[in-house]
Amino acid sequence: MVSRTKLLIGSFIFTLVVFIIGLFIGFQMDKLRVNDLSNLLSESDLNSQSYLINQDFYSVFGGDWCKNALPLAEKVSLESVRVGRLLSSYESKKFYNEDEYNYLKRKYFLLELNAFILFTKMNQNCKTKNHMILFFYDIDQGSSIAQGTNLDELVEENKLVYVFSFDRTYTQEPLLESIKTQYNITKSPTLIINSNKKLEGFTTYKEILNSLN
């Protein structure tokens, strides 16, 4: 009886130690993920500020703002893509600090929206012909994941195509609801092409390409 009790106590202590170690590792992994995202978001935010300051400088002192606009906008877009991919790779993993994760995700949403606005202004003011795609997705949805892969391929093969991705189910940023209402977004995946074409459900590479013409 004593041996059985000792065995149970020993098993309990062992399980508790394993649980505590797992919890510690989880928190450490959380810190690494948050640091990765924070660093990328800070860099992206800096590039966005640089773009806006350049715009203000040329509007006050004159000069060819458009000459510098495209390289800066592309930098903002590339950073946004990097952050989005990193965030997506972490979304399927549990975060112990949900508040920190939600803060970073909201910051990414605003960064993505800002990049879309920057490219829209550039198309209007510089007569550029960049194609802009708004991609509304659901996390862990098979068709959304496949659509994202499709869009990555499209961007890699077409230099004038830029994709701005938004989690349709995200509720922490009120502005997203306004955007969804404006484009009548009711399902995922949904693509808004150049603000005037809407493609609902999974869309093939060829169909997207045809819609750009």
N, C-alpha and C. Protein backbone atom coordinates (compact mmCIF):
# COMPACT_ATOMS: atom_id res chain seq x y z
N MET A 1 0.83 -1.22 0.00
CA MET A 1 0.00 0.00 0.00
C MET A 1 0.86 1.26 0.00
N VAL A 2 1.92 1.23 0.85
CA VAL A 2 2.84 2.37 0.92
C VAL A 2 3.54 2.57 -0.41
N SER A 3 3.97 1.44 -1.02
CA SER A 3 4.67 1.50 -2.31
C SER A 3 3.76 2.08 -3.39
N ARG A 4 2.48 1.68 -3.34
CA ARG A 4 1.51 2.18 -4.33
C ARG A 4 1.32 3.69 -4.17
N THR A 5 1.25 4.13 -2.91
CA THR A 5 1.09 5.57 -2.63
C THR A 5 2.30 6.34 -3.12
N LYS A 6 3.49 5.80 -2.84
CA LYS A 6 4.73 6.46 -3.29
C LYS A 6 4.76 6.55 -4.82
N LEU A 7 4.28 5.47 -5.46
CA LEU A 7 4.28 5.44 -6.92
C LEU A 7 3.35 6.51 -7.49
N LEU A 8 2.17 6.65 -6.87
CA LEU A 8 1.21 7.66 -7.31
C LEU A 8 1.75 9.07 -7.11
N ILE A 9 2.38 9.28 -5.94
CA ILE A 9 2.97 10.60 -5.66
C ILE A 9 4.09 10.90 -6.64
N GLY A 10 4.92 9.87 -6.90
CA GLY A 10 6.03 10.04 -7.84
C GLY A 10 5.53 10.37 -9.24
N SER A 11 4.45 9.68 -9.66
CA SER A 11 3.87 9.93 -10.99
C SER A 11 3.30 11.34 -11.08
N PHE A 12 2.64 11.77 -9.97
CA PHE A 12 2.06 13.11 -9.94
C PHE A 12 3.15 14.18 -10.06
N ILE A 13 4.23 13.98 -9.27
CA ILE A 13 5.34 14.95 -9.29
C ILE A 13 5.97 15.00 -10.68
N PHE A 14 6.17 13.82 -11.28
CA PHE A 14 6.78 13.76 -12.62
C PHE A 14 5.90 14.49 -13.64
N THR A 15 4.58 14.22 -13.58
CA THR A 15 3.63 14.87 -14.51
C THR A 15 3.64 16.38 -14.31
N LEU A 16 3.69 16.81 -13.05
CA LEU A 16 3.70 18.24 -12.73
C LEU A 16 4.95 18.92 -13.28
N VAL A 17 6.10 18.24 -13.11
CA VAL A 17 7.37 18.78 -13.61
C VAL A 17 7.33 18.91 -15.13
N VAL A 18 6.83 17.87 -15.81
CA VAL A 18 6.73 17.90 -17.27
C VAL A 18 5.81 19.04 -17.72
N PHE A 19 4.68 19.22 -16.99
CA PHE A 19 3.74 20.29 -17.32
C PHE A 19 4.39 21.66 -17.17
N ILE A 20 5.11 21.85 -16.07
CA ILE A 20 5.76 23.14 -15.81
C ILE A 20 6.83 23.43 -16.87
N ILE A 21 7.60 22.39 -17.23
CA ILE A 21 8.63 22.56 -18.26
C ILE A 21 7.97 22.92 -19.60
N GLY A 22 6.86 22.23 -19.93
CA GLY A 22 6.14 22.53 -21.17
C GLY A 22 5.60 23.94 -21.18
N LEU A 23 5.09 24.38 -20.03
CA LEU A 23 4.57 25.74 -19.91
C LEU A 23 5.68 26.76 -20.10
N PHE A 24 6.83 26.49 -19.49
CA PHE A 24 7.98 27.39 -19.60
C PHE A 24 8.45 27.49 -21.06
N ILE A 25 8.54 26.33 -21.73
CA ILE A 25 8.96 26.33 -23.13
C ILE A 25 7.94 27.09 -23.99
N GLY A 26 6.65 26.91 -23.68
CA GLY A 26 5.60 27.62 -24.42
C GLY A 26 5.74 29.13 -24.29
N PHE A 27 5.99 29.60 -23.07
CA PHE A 27 6.16 31.03 -22.85
C PHE A 27 7.41 31.56 -23.56
N GLN A 28 8.48 30.75 -23.55
CA GLN A 28 9.71 31.17 -24.23
C GLN A 28 9.50 31.26 -25.74
N MET A 29 8.78 30.28 -26.28
CA MET A 29 8.47 30.31 -27.72
C MET A 29 7.61 31.52 -28.05
N ASP A 30 6.67 31.82 -27.16
CA ASP A 30 5.84 33.01 -27.32
C ASP A 30 6.70 34.26 -27.43
N LYS A 31 7.67 34.38 -26.53
CA LYS A 31 8.55 35.56 -26.52
C LYS A 31 9.31 35.68 -27.83
N LEU A 32 9.80 34.55 -28.34
CA LEU A 32 10.54 34.56 -29.61
C LEU A 32 9.64 35.00 -30.76
N ARG A 33 8.42 34.47 -30.80
CA ARG A 33 7.48 34.83 -31.86
C ARG A 33 7.12 36.31 -31.80
N VAL A 34 6.82 36.78 -30.60
CA VAL A 34 6.45 38.18 -30.41
C VAL A 34 7.61 39.10 -30.80
N ASN A 35 8.83 38.72 -30.41
CA ASN A 35 10.01 39.53 -30.76
C ASN A 35 10.21 39.58 -32.27
N ASP A 36 10.05 38.44 -32.94
CA ASP A 36 10.19 38.39 -34.40
C ASP A 36 9.19 39.33 -35.06
N LEU A 37 7.94 39.23 -34.65
CA LEU A 37 6.89 40.06 -35.23
C LEU A 37 7.09 41.53 -34.91
N SER A 38 7.46 41.81 -33.66
CA SER A 38 7.66 43.21 -33.24
C SER A 38 8.77 43.87 -34.05
N ASN A 39 9.87 43.14 -34.26
CA ASN A 39 11.00 43.69 -35.02
C ASN A 39 10.60 43.99 -36.46
N LEU A 40 9.89 43.05 -37.08
CA LEU A 40 9.46 43.26 -38.47
C LEU A 40 8.45 44.40 -38.58
N LEU A 41 7.53 44.46 -37.62
CA LEU A 41 6.52 45.53 -37.64
C LEU A 41 7.14 46.90 -37.44
N SER A 42 8.16 46.97 -36.58
CA SER A 42 8.85 48.25 -36.35
C SER A 42 9.55 48.72 -37.62
N GLU A 43 10.18 47.76 -38.32
CA GLU A 43 10.87 48.10 -39.57
C GLU A 43 9.86 48.55 -40.63
N SER A 44 8.73 47.85 -40.70
CA SER A 44 7.70 48.21 -41.67
C SER A 44 7.10 49.58 -41.36
N ASP A 45 6.89 49.84 -40.09
CA ASP A 45 6.34 51.12 -39.67
C ASP A 45 7.29 52.26 -40.04
N LEU A 46 8.58 52.01 -39.89
CA LEU A 46 9.60 53.01 -40.24
C LEU A 46 9.57 53.30 -41.74
N ASN A 47 9.43 52.26 -42.55
CA ASN A 47 9.36 52.45 -44.00
C ASN A 47 8.11 53.23 -44.41
N SER A 48 6.99 52.97 -43.72
CA SER A 48 5.76 53.72 -44.00
C SER A 48 5.93 55.19 -43.67
N GLN A 49 6.57 55.47 -42.53
CA GLN A 49 6.83 56.86 -42.15
C GLN A 49 7.73 57.55 -43.16
N SER A 50 8.74 56.81 -43.64
CA SER A 50 9.66 57.35 -44.64
C SER A 50 8.91 57.75 -45.90
N TYR A 51 7.98 56.90 -46.32
CA TYR A 51 7.17 57.17 -47.52
C TYR A 51 6.36 58.45 -47.33
N LEU A 52 5.70 58.57 -46.19
CA LEU A 52 4.84 59.73 -45.92
C LEU A 52 5.65 61.02 -45.80
N ILE A 53 6.82 60.93 -45.16
CA ILE A 53 7.67 62.11 -45.01
C ILE A 53 8.19 62.56 -46.38
N ASN A 54 8.55 61.59 -47.23
CA ASN A 54 8.97 61.93 -48.60
C ASN A 54 7.86 62.66 -49.34
N GLN A 55 6.64 62.18 -49.18
CA GLN A 55 5.49 62.80 -49.84
C GLN A 55 5.31 64.24 -49.36
N ASP A 56 5.39 64.43 -48.05
CA ASP A 56 5.24 65.78 -47.49
C ASP A 56 6.37 66.71 -47.93
N PHE A 57 7.60 66.16 -47.97
CA PHE A 57 8.76 66.96 -48.35
C PHE A 57 8.60 67.51 -49.77
N TYR A 58 8.24 66.63 -50.70
CA TYR A 58 8.11 67.06 -52.10
C TYR A 58 6.92 67.98 -52.31
N SER A 59 5.86 67.79 -51.52
CA SER A 59 4.69 68.68 -51.66
C SER A 59 5.00 70.09 -51.15
N VAL A 60 5.94 70.20 -50.19
CA VAL A 60 6.31 71.51 -49.64
C VAL A 60 7.41 72.17 -50.46
N PHE A 61 8.45 71.40 -50.80
CA PHE A 61 9.63 71.97 -51.45
C PHE A 61 9.69 71.73 -52.96
N GLY A 62 8.76 70.95 -53.48
CA GLY A 62 8.74 70.69 -54.91
C GLY A 62 9.69 69.56 -55.30
N GLY A 63 9.61 69.14 -56.55
CA GLY A 63 10.45 68.05 -57.03
C GLY A 63 9.60 66.88 -57.47
N ASP A 64 10.26 65.85 -57.99
CA ASP A 64 9.57 64.68 -58.53
C ASP A 64 9.35 63.63 -57.43
N TRP A 65 8.23 63.75 -56.75
CA TRP A 65 7.92 62.79 -55.68
C TRP A 65 7.76 61.37 -56.23
N CYS A 66 7.18 61.26 -57.41
CA CYS A 66 6.89 59.95 -57.99
C CYS A 66 8.16 59.12 -58.23
N LYS A 67 9.27 59.81 -58.47
CA LYS A 67 10.54 59.11 -58.73
C LYS A 67 10.94 58.24 -57.54
N ASN A 68 10.69 58.74 -56.32
CA ASN A 68 11.05 58.00 -55.12
C ASN A 68 9.90 57.18 -54.56
N ALA A 69 8.69 57.47 -55.03
CA ALA A 69 7.50 56.84 -54.45
C ALA A 69 7.48 55.33 -54.65
N LEU A 70 7.75 54.87 -55.88
CA LEU A 70 7.62 53.44 -56.17
C LEU A 70 8.59 52.58 -55.36
N PRO A 71 9.91 52.92 -55.32
CA PRO A 71 10.83 52.10 -54.51
C PRO A 71 10.42 52.02 -53.04
N LEU A 72 9.96 53.16 -52.50
CA LEU A 72 9.55 53.19 -51.09
C LEU A 72 8.28 52.37 -50.88
N ALA A 73 7.33 52.50 -51.80
CA ALA A 73 6.08 51.75 -51.68
C ALA A 73 6.34 50.25 -51.80
N GLU A 74 7.24 49.87 -52.70
CA GLU A 74 7.58 48.46 -52.85
C GLU A 74 8.23 47.91 -51.58
N LYS A 75 9.04 48.74 -50.95
CA LYS A 75 9.68 48.33 -49.70
C LYS A 75 8.64 48.09 -48.61
N VAL A 76 7.67 49.00 -48.53
CA VAL A 76 6.57 48.85 -47.57
C VAL A 76 5.80 47.57 -47.85
N SER A 77 5.53 47.31 -49.13
CA SER A 77 4.77 46.13 -49.52
C SER A 77 5.52 44.84 -49.19
N LEU A 78 6.82 44.80 -49.49
CA LEU A 78 7.62 43.61 -49.20
C LEU A 78 7.68 43.32 -47.71
N GLU A 79 7.84 44.37 -46.91
CA GLU A 79 7.86 44.19 -45.45
C GLU A 79 6.52 43.66 -44.97
N SER A 80 5.46 44.18 -45.55
CA SER A 80 4.12 43.75 -45.18
C SER A 80 3.91 42.27 -45.49
N VAL A 81 4.41 41.84 -46.64
CA VAL A 81 4.32 40.42 -47.03
C VAL A 81 5.08 39.55 -46.05
N ARG A 82 6.27 39.97 -45.66
CA ARG A 82 7.08 39.21 -44.70
C ARG A 82 6.37 39.08 -43.36
N VAL A 83 5.80 40.18 -42.89
CA VAL A 83 5.07 40.16 -41.62
C VAL A 83 3.85 39.25 -41.73
N GLY A 84 3.13 39.36 -42.84
CA GLY A 84 1.94 38.54 -43.04
C GLY A 84 2.24 37.06 -43.04
N ARG A 85 3.32 36.66 -43.70
CA ARG A 85 3.69 35.25 -43.74
C ARG A 85 4.09 34.74 -42.36
N LEU A 86 4.84 35.56 -41.63
CA LEU A 86 5.26 35.17 -40.29
C LEU A 86 4.05 35.06 -39.37
N LEU A 87 3.15 36.02 -39.48
CA LEU A 87 1.94 36.01 -38.65
C LEU A 87 1.09 34.79 -38.98
N SER A 88 0.96 34.47 -40.26
CA SER A 88 0.17 33.31 -40.68
C SER A 88 0.76 32.01 -40.14
N SER A 89 2.08 31.92 -40.13
CA SER A 89 2.73 30.70 -39.64
C SER A 89 2.54 30.53 -38.14
N TYR A 90 2.25 31.62 -37.43
CA TYR A 90 2.05 31.57 -35.99
C TYR A 90 0.58 31.44 -35.61
N GLU A 91 -0.32 31.77 -36.53
CA GLU A 91 -1.75 31.82 -36.20
C GLU A 91 -2.31 30.46 -35.81
N SER A 92 -1.75 29.39 -36.36
CA SER A 92 -2.24 28.05 -36.03
C SER A 92 -1.68 27.55 -34.70
N LYS A 93 -0.71 28.28 -34.15
CA LYS A 93 -0.12 27.91 -32.86
C LYS A 93 -0.77 28.71 -31.75
N LYS A 94 -0.88 28.10 -30.59
CA LYS A 94 -1.52 28.79 -29.46
C LYS A 94 -0.56 29.80 -28.86
N PHE A 95 -1.03 31.03 -28.67
CA PHE A 95 -0.27 32.05 -27.98
C PHE A 95 -0.74 32.10 -26.53
N TYR A 96 0.21 32.06 -25.60
CA TYR A 96 -0.15 32.17 -24.18
C TYR A 96 -0.56 33.60 -23.85
N ASN A 97 0.08 34.56 -24.52
CA ASN A 97 -0.24 35.96 -24.28
C ASN A 97 -1.12 36.47 -25.43
N GLU A 98 -2.42 36.25 -25.31
CA GLU A 98 -3.35 36.61 -26.37
C GLU A 98 -3.40 38.12 -26.61
N ASP A 99 -3.26 38.90 -25.53
CA ASP A 99 -3.31 40.36 -25.67
C ASP A 99 -2.17 40.87 -26.55
N GLU A 100 -0.98 40.31 -26.33
CA GLU A 100 0.19 40.71 -27.12
C GLU A 100 -0.01 40.33 -28.58
N TYR A 101 -0.53 39.12 -28.80
CA TYR A 101 -0.78 38.65 -30.16
C TYR A 101 -1.81 39.54 -30.87
N ASN A 102 -2.90 39.86 -30.17
CA ASN A 102 -3.95 40.70 -30.77
C ASN A 102 -3.43 42.10 -31.09
N TYR A 103 -2.55 42.61 -30.22
CA TYR A 103 -1.95 43.92 -30.47
C TYR A 103 -1.12 43.89 -31.76
N LEU A 104 -0.30 42.84 -31.91
CA LEU A 104 0.56 42.72 -33.09
C LEU A 104 -0.28 42.50 -34.35
N LYS A 105 -1.34 41.72 -34.22
CA LYS A 105 -2.19 41.47 -35.39
C LYS A 105 -2.91 42.74 -35.82
N ARG A 106 -3.36 43.52 -34.85
CA ARG A 106 -4.02 44.79 -35.18
C ARG A 106 -3.04 45.74 -35.86
N LYS A 107 -1.80 45.74 -35.36
CA LYS A 107 -0.78 46.60 -35.95
C LYS A 107 -0.51 46.18 -37.39
N TYR A 108 -0.48 44.86 -37.63
CA TYR A 108 -0.28 44.35 -38.98
C TYR A 108 -1.44 44.77 -39.89
N PHE A 109 -2.67 44.66 -39.38
CA PHE A 109 -3.84 45.05 -40.17
C PHE A 109 -3.73 46.51 -40.61
N LEU A 110 -3.36 47.39 -39.69
CA LEU A 110 -3.23 48.82 -40.00
C LEU A 110 -2.09 49.07 -40.98
N LEU A 111 -1.01 48.29 -40.83
CA LEU A 111 0.12 48.40 -41.75
C LEU A 111 -0.31 48.00 -43.16
N GLU A 112 -1.05 46.92 -43.26
CA GLU A 112 -1.52 46.42 -44.56
C GLU A 112 -2.47 47.43 -45.21
N LEU A 113 -3.37 47.98 -44.41
CA LEU A 113 -4.30 48.98 -44.92
C LEU A 113 -3.57 50.24 -45.37
N ASN A 114 -2.57 50.64 -44.59
CA ASN A 114 -1.77 51.81 -44.94
C ASN A 114 -1.05 51.60 -46.27
N ALA A 115 -0.50 50.40 -46.47
CA ALA A 115 0.20 50.08 -47.72
C ALA A 115 -0.77 50.18 -48.90
N PHE A 116 -1.99 49.69 -48.71
CA PHE A 116 -3.01 49.77 -49.77
C PHE A 116 -3.32 51.22 -50.12
N ILE A 117 -3.44 52.07 -49.10
CA ILE A 117 -3.72 53.49 -49.32
C ILE A 117 -2.56 54.16 -50.05
N LEU A 118 -1.32 53.81 -49.66
CA LEU A 118 -0.14 54.39 -50.31
C LEU A 118 -0.11 54.07 -51.80
N PHE A 119 -0.39 52.81 -52.13
CA PHE A 119 -0.38 52.41 -53.55
C PHE A 119 -1.53 53.06 -54.31
N THR A 120 -2.68 53.23 -53.66
CA THR A 120 -3.81 53.89 -54.30
C THR A 120 -3.46 55.33 -54.64
N LYS A 121 -2.84 56.03 -53.68
CA LYS A 121 -2.41 57.42 -53.92
C LYS A 121 -1.40 57.49 -55.05
N MET A 122 -0.49 56.52 -55.06
CA MET A 122 0.55 56.53 -56.09
C MET A 122 -0.05 56.31 -57.48
N ASN A 123 -1.02 55.41 -57.58
CA ASN A 123 -1.70 55.19 -58.86
C ASN A 123 -2.41 56.46 -59.33
N GLN A 124 -2.98 57.20 -58.38
CA GLN A 124 -3.72 58.42 -58.72
C GLN A 124 -2.79 59.57 -59.09
N ASN A 125 -1.71 59.74 -58.32
CA ASN A 125 -0.84 60.91 -58.49
C ASN A 125 0.30 60.71 -59.48
N CYS A 126 0.74 59.48 -59.65
CA CYS A 126 1.92 59.22 -60.49
C CYS A 126 1.56 58.49 -61.79
N LYS A 127 0.27 58.23 -61.98
CA LYS A 127 -0.19 57.57 -63.21
C LYS A 127 0.45 56.19 -63.38
N THR A 128 0.75 55.54 -62.27
CA THR A 128 1.28 54.17 -62.35
C THR A 128 0.13 53.21 -62.61
N LYS A 129 0.47 52.01 -63.05
CA LYS A 129 -0.56 51.03 -63.39
C LYS A 129 -0.41 49.76 -62.54
N ASN A 130 -0.20 49.96 -61.26
CA ASN A 130 -0.11 48.82 -60.35
C ASN A 130 -1.49 48.20 -60.16
N HIS A 131 -1.53 46.87 -60.15
CA HIS A 131 -2.77 46.16 -59.87
C HIS A 131 -2.82 45.83 -58.39
N MET A 132 -3.93 46.15 -57.75
CA MET A 132 -4.05 45.93 -56.31
C MET A 132 -5.18 44.95 -56.02
N ILE A 133 -4.85 43.93 -55.23
CA ILE A 133 -5.82 42.89 -54.88
C ILE A 133 -6.00 42.86 -53.37
N LEU A 134 -7.24 43.01 -52.93
CA LEU A 134 -7.57 42.82 -51.52
C LEU A 134 -7.99 41.37 -51.35
N PHE A 135 -7.34 40.68 -50.43
CA PHE A 135 -7.60 39.25 -50.21
C PHE A 135 -8.18 39.05 -48.81
N PHE A 136 -9.44 38.63 -48.75
CA PHE A 136 -10.11 38.36 -47.47
C PHE A 136 -10.13 36.84 -47.26
N TYR A 137 -9.57 36.40 -46.14
CA TYR A 137 -9.41 34.96 -45.89
C TYR A 137 -9.92 34.59 -44.50
N ASP A 138 -10.08 33.28 -44.30
CA ASP A 138 -10.36 32.72 -42.97
C ASP A 138 -9.17 31.86 -42.56
N ILE A 139 -8.75 31.98 -41.31
CA ILE A 139 -7.62 31.20 -40.81
C ILE A 139 -7.96 29.71 -40.84
N ASP A 140 -7.00 28.89 -41.28
CA ASP A 140 -7.12 27.42 -41.30
C ASP A 140 -8.19 26.91 -42.27
N GLN A 141 -8.72 27.77 -43.12
CA GLN A 141 -9.68 27.32 -44.14
C GLN A 141 -8.90 26.86 -45.37
N GLY A 142 -9.17 25.64 -45.80
CA GLY A 142 -8.41 25.06 -46.91
C GLY A 142 -8.39 25.91 -48.16
N SER A 143 -9.56 26.42 -48.57
CA SER A 143 -9.63 27.21 -49.79
C SER A 143 -8.91 28.55 -49.65
N SER A 144 -8.91 29.11 -48.44
CA SER A 144 -8.18 30.37 -48.20
C SER A 144 -6.67 30.15 -48.28
N ILE A 145 -6.23 29.02 -47.72
CA ILE A 145 -4.79 28.69 -47.76
C ILE A 145 -4.35 28.48 -49.21
N ALA A 146 -5.17 27.74 -49.97
CA ALA A 146 -4.85 27.49 -51.39
C ALA A 146 -4.85 28.80 -52.18
N GLN A 147 -5.81 29.69 -51.86
CA GLN A 147 -5.87 30.98 -52.54
C GLN A 147 -4.64 31.82 -52.24
N GLY A 148 -4.19 31.78 -50.99
CA GLY A 148 -2.98 32.51 -50.59
C GLY A 148 -1.76 32.04 -51.36
N THR A 149 -1.65 30.72 -51.54
CA THR A 149 -0.53 30.14 -52.30
C THR A 149 -0.58 30.61 -53.75
N ASN A 150 -1.78 30.63 -54.31
CA ASN A 150 -2.01 31.12 -55.68
C ASN A 150 -1.56 32.56 -55.84
N LEU A 151 -1.93 33.37 -54.88
CA LEU A 151 -1.61 34.80 -54.93
C LEU A 151 -0.11 35.04 -54.78
N ASP A 152 0.54 34.24 -53.94
CA ASP A 152 2.00 34.35 -53.79
C ASP A 152 2.69 34.12 -55.14
N GLU A 153 2.21 33.10 -55.85
CA GLU A 153 2.77 32.78 -57.17
C GLU A 153 2.52 33.92 -58.15
N LEU A 154 1.32 34.49 -58.08
CA LEU A 154 0.95 35.59 -58.97
C LEU A 154 1.85 36.81 -58.75
N VAL A 155 2.09 37.14 -57.50
CA VAL A 155 2.93 38.30 -57.16
C VAL A 155 4.37 38.08 -57.60
N GLU A 156 4.86 36.85 -57.40
CA GLU A 156 6.25 36.54 -57.77
C GLU A 156 6.47 36.66 -59.27
N GLU A 157 5.44 36.37 -60.06
CA GLU A 157 5.60 36.35 -61.52
C GLU A 157 5.11 37.63 -62.21
N ASN A 158 4.49 38.52 -61.44
CA ASN A 158 3.97 39.76 -62.03
C ASN A 158 4.35 40.94 -61.14
N LYS A 159 5.30 41.73 -61.58
CA LYS A 159 5.86 42.80 -60.75
C LYS A 159 4.88 43.92 -60.43
N LEU A 160 3.86 44.09 -61.24
CA LEU A 160 2.92 45.19 -61.02
C LEU A 160 1.70 44.77 -60.21
N VAL A 161 1.73 43.56 -59.63
CA VAL A 161 0.60 43.07 -58.84
C VAL A 161 0.96 43.09 -57.36
N TYR A 162 0.09 43.69 -56.56
CA TYR A 162 0.31 43.77 -55.11
C TYR A 162 -0.93 43.25 -54.39
N VAL A 163 -0.70 42.40 -53.40
CA VAL A 163 -1.81 41.79 -52.65
C VAL A 163 -1.80 42.29 -51.21
N PHE A 164 -2.99 42.62 -50.71
CA PHE A 164 -3.14 43.09 -49.33
C PHE A 164 -4.14 42.16 -48.65
N SER A 165 -3.67 41.44 -47.63
CA SER A 165 -4.46 40.36 -47.04
C SER A 165 -5.10 40.76 -45.72
N PHE A 166 -6.36 40.32 -45.54
CA PHE A 166 -7.10 40.65 -44.32
C PHE A 166 -7.86 39.42 -43.81
N ASP A 167 -7.70 39.15 -42.53
CA ASP A 167 -8.44 38.07 -41.87
C ASP A 167 -9.89 38.52 -41.72
N ARG A 168 -10.79 37.88 -42.44
CA ARG A 168 -12.20 38.30 -42.47
C ARG A 168 -12.86 38.20 -41.09
N THR A 169 -12.39 37.29 -40.26
CA THR A 169 -13.04 37.04 -38.97
C THR A 169 -12.43 37.86 -37.83
N TYR A 170 -11.44 38.68 -38.14
CA TYR A 170 -10.78 39.48 -37.10
C TYR A 170 -11.74 40.54 -36.57
N THR A 171 -11.84 40.64 -35.24
CA THR A 171 -12.84 41.52 -34.63
C THR A 171 -12.24 42.66 -33.80
N GLN A 172 -10.92 42.73 -33.70
CA GLN A 172 -10.29 43.71 -32.82
C GLN A 172 -10.13 45.09 -33.45
N GLU A 173 -10.39 45.21 -34.75
CA GLU A 173 -10.23 46.50 -35.42
C GLU A 173 -11.55 46.89 -36.11
N PRO A 174 -12.27 47.89 -35.57
CA PRO A 174 -13.57 48.29 -36.12
C PRO A 174 -13.52 48.68 -37.60
N LEU A 175 -12.38 49.20 -38.03
CA LEU A 175 -12.26 49.65 -39.42
C LEU A 175 -12.46 48.51 -40.41
N LEU A 176 -12.10 47.29 -39.99
CA LEU A 176 -12.26 46.14 -40.89
C LEU A 176 -13.73 45.94 -41.25
N GLU A 177 -14.62 46.15 -40.29
CA GLU A 177 -16.05 46.01 -40.56
C GLU A 177 -16.51 47.00 -41.63
N SER A 178 -15.96 48.21 -41.58
CA SER A 178 -16.30 49.23 -42.58
C SER A 178 -15.85 48.80 -43.97
N ILE A 179 -14.64 48.22 -44.04
CA ILE A 179 -14.11 47.76 -45.33
C ILE A 179 -14.96 46.61 -45.86
N LYS A 180 -15.32 45.67 -44.98
CA LYS A 180 -16.15 44.53 -45.39
C LYS A 180 -17.52 45.00 -45.87
N THR A 181 -18.06 46.01 -45.22
CA THR A 181 -19.35 46.56 -45.63
C THR A 181 -19.24 47.25 -46.99
N GLN A 182 -18.16 48.00 -47.18
CA GLN A 182 -17.96 48.72 -48.43
C GLN A 182 -17.92 47.78 -49.63
N TYR A 183 -17.24 46.63 -49.45
CA TYR A 183 -17.11 45.68 -50.56
C TYR A 183 -18.08 44.50 -50.45
N ASN A 184 -18.97 44.54 -49.45
CA ASN A 184 -19.95 43.48 -49.22
C ASN A 184 -19.28 42.11 -49.11
N ILE A 185 -18.34 42.00 -48.20
CA ILE A 185 -17.60 40.75 -47.98
C ILE A 185 -18.40 39.86 -47.04
N THR A 186 -18.86 38.71 -47.53
CA THR A 186 -19.67 37.80 -46.72
C THR A 186 -19.09 36.40 -46.61
N LYS A 187 -18.07 36.10 -47.39
CA LYS A 187 -17.48 34.76 -47.36
C LYS A 187 -15.99 34.83 -47.68
N SER A 188 -15.31 33.72 -47.42
CA SER A 188 -13.88 33.61 -47.74
C SER A 188 -13.64 32.36 -48.57
N PRO A 189 -12.64 32.39 -49.46
CA PRO A 189 -11.85 33.58 -49.82
C PRO A 189 -12.62 34.50 -50.77
N THR A 190 -12.36 35.78 -50.65
CA THR A 190 -12.91 36.78 -51.58
C THR A 190 -11.79 37.71 -52.01
N LEU A 191 -11.75 38.00 -53.30
CA LEU A 191 -10.75 38.92 -53.86
C LEU A 191 -11.44 40.16 -54.41
N ILE A 192 -10.88 41.32 -54.10
CA ILE A 192 -11.34 42.58 -54.70
C ILE A 192 -10.21 43.06 -55.61
N ILE A 193 -10.46 43.08 -56.90
CA ILE A 193 -9.45 43.43 -57.90
C ILE A 193 -9.57 44.90 -58.28
N ASN A 194 -8.52 45.65 -58.00
CA ASN A 194 -8.49 47.08 -58.38
C ASN A 194 -9.74 47.85 -57.93
N SER A 195 -10.28 47.44 -56.81
CA SER A 195 -11.43 48.11 -56.17
C SER A 195 -12.73 48.05 -56.96
N ASN A 196 -12.75 47.34 -58.11
CA ASN A 196 -13.99 47.33 -58.90
C ASN A 196 -14.46 45.95 -59.36
N LYS A 197 -13.70 44.90 -59.04
CA LYS A 197 -14.14 43.55 -59.39
C LYS A 197 -14.08 42.67 -58.15
N LYS A 198 -15.13 41.88 -57.95
CA LYS A 198 -15.16 40.99 -56.80
C LYS A 198 -15.23 39.53 -57.25
N LEU A 199 -14.32 38.71 -56.74
CA LEU A 199 -14.30 37.29 -57.05
C LEU A 199 -14.47 36.52 -55.75
N GLU A 200 -15.57 35.77 -55.63
CA GLU A 200 -15.87 35.03 -54.40
C GLU A 200 -15.55 33.55 -54.57
N GLY A 201 -15.11 32.92 -53.50
CA GLY A 201 -14.72 31.52 -53.55
C GLY A 201 -13.32 31.38 -54.14
N PHE A 202 -12.82 30.16 -54.17
CA PHE A 202 -11.47 29.95 -54.70
C PHE A 202 -11.41 30.35 -56.17
N THR A 203 -10.41 31.15 -56.52
CA THR A 203 -10.23 31.63 -57.90
C THR A 203 -8.89 31.15 -58.43
N THR A 204 -8.88 30.56 -59.60
CA THR A 204 -7.65 30.02 -60.16
C THR A 204 -6.70 31.13 -60.59
N TYR A 205 -5.45 30.75 -60.76
CA TYR A 205 -4.41 31.68 -61.21
C TYR A 205 -4.83 32.36 -62.51
N LYS A 206 -5.32 31.55 -63.46
CA LYS A 206 -5.70 32.08 -64.77
C LYS A 206 -6.87 33.05 -64.67
N GLU A 207 -7.84 32.72 -63.82
CA GLU A 207 -9.01 33.60 -63.65
C GLU A 207 -8.62 34.95 -63.06
N ILE A 208 -7.69 34.92 -62.10
CA ILE A 208 -7.22 36.18 -61.50
C ILE A 208 -6.50 37.01 -62.56
N LEU A 209 -5.64 36.34 -63.32
CA LEU A 209 -4.87 37.03 -64.35
C LEU A 209 -5.79 37.67 -65.38
N ASN A 210 -6.83 36.95 -65.78
CA ASN A 210 -7.79 37.49 -66.76
C ASN A 210 -8.55 38.69 -66.20
N SER A 211 -8.80 38.68 -64.90
CA SER A 211 -9.57 39.78 -64.29
C SER A 211 -8.74 41.05 -64.18
N LEU A 212 -7.42 40.94 -64.32
CA LEU A 212 -6.55 42.12 -64.26
C LEU A 212 -6.55 42.87 -65.58
N ASN A 213 -6.97 42.22 -66.65
CA ASN A 213 -6.94 42.83 -67.98
C ASN A 213 -8.25 43.52 -68.33
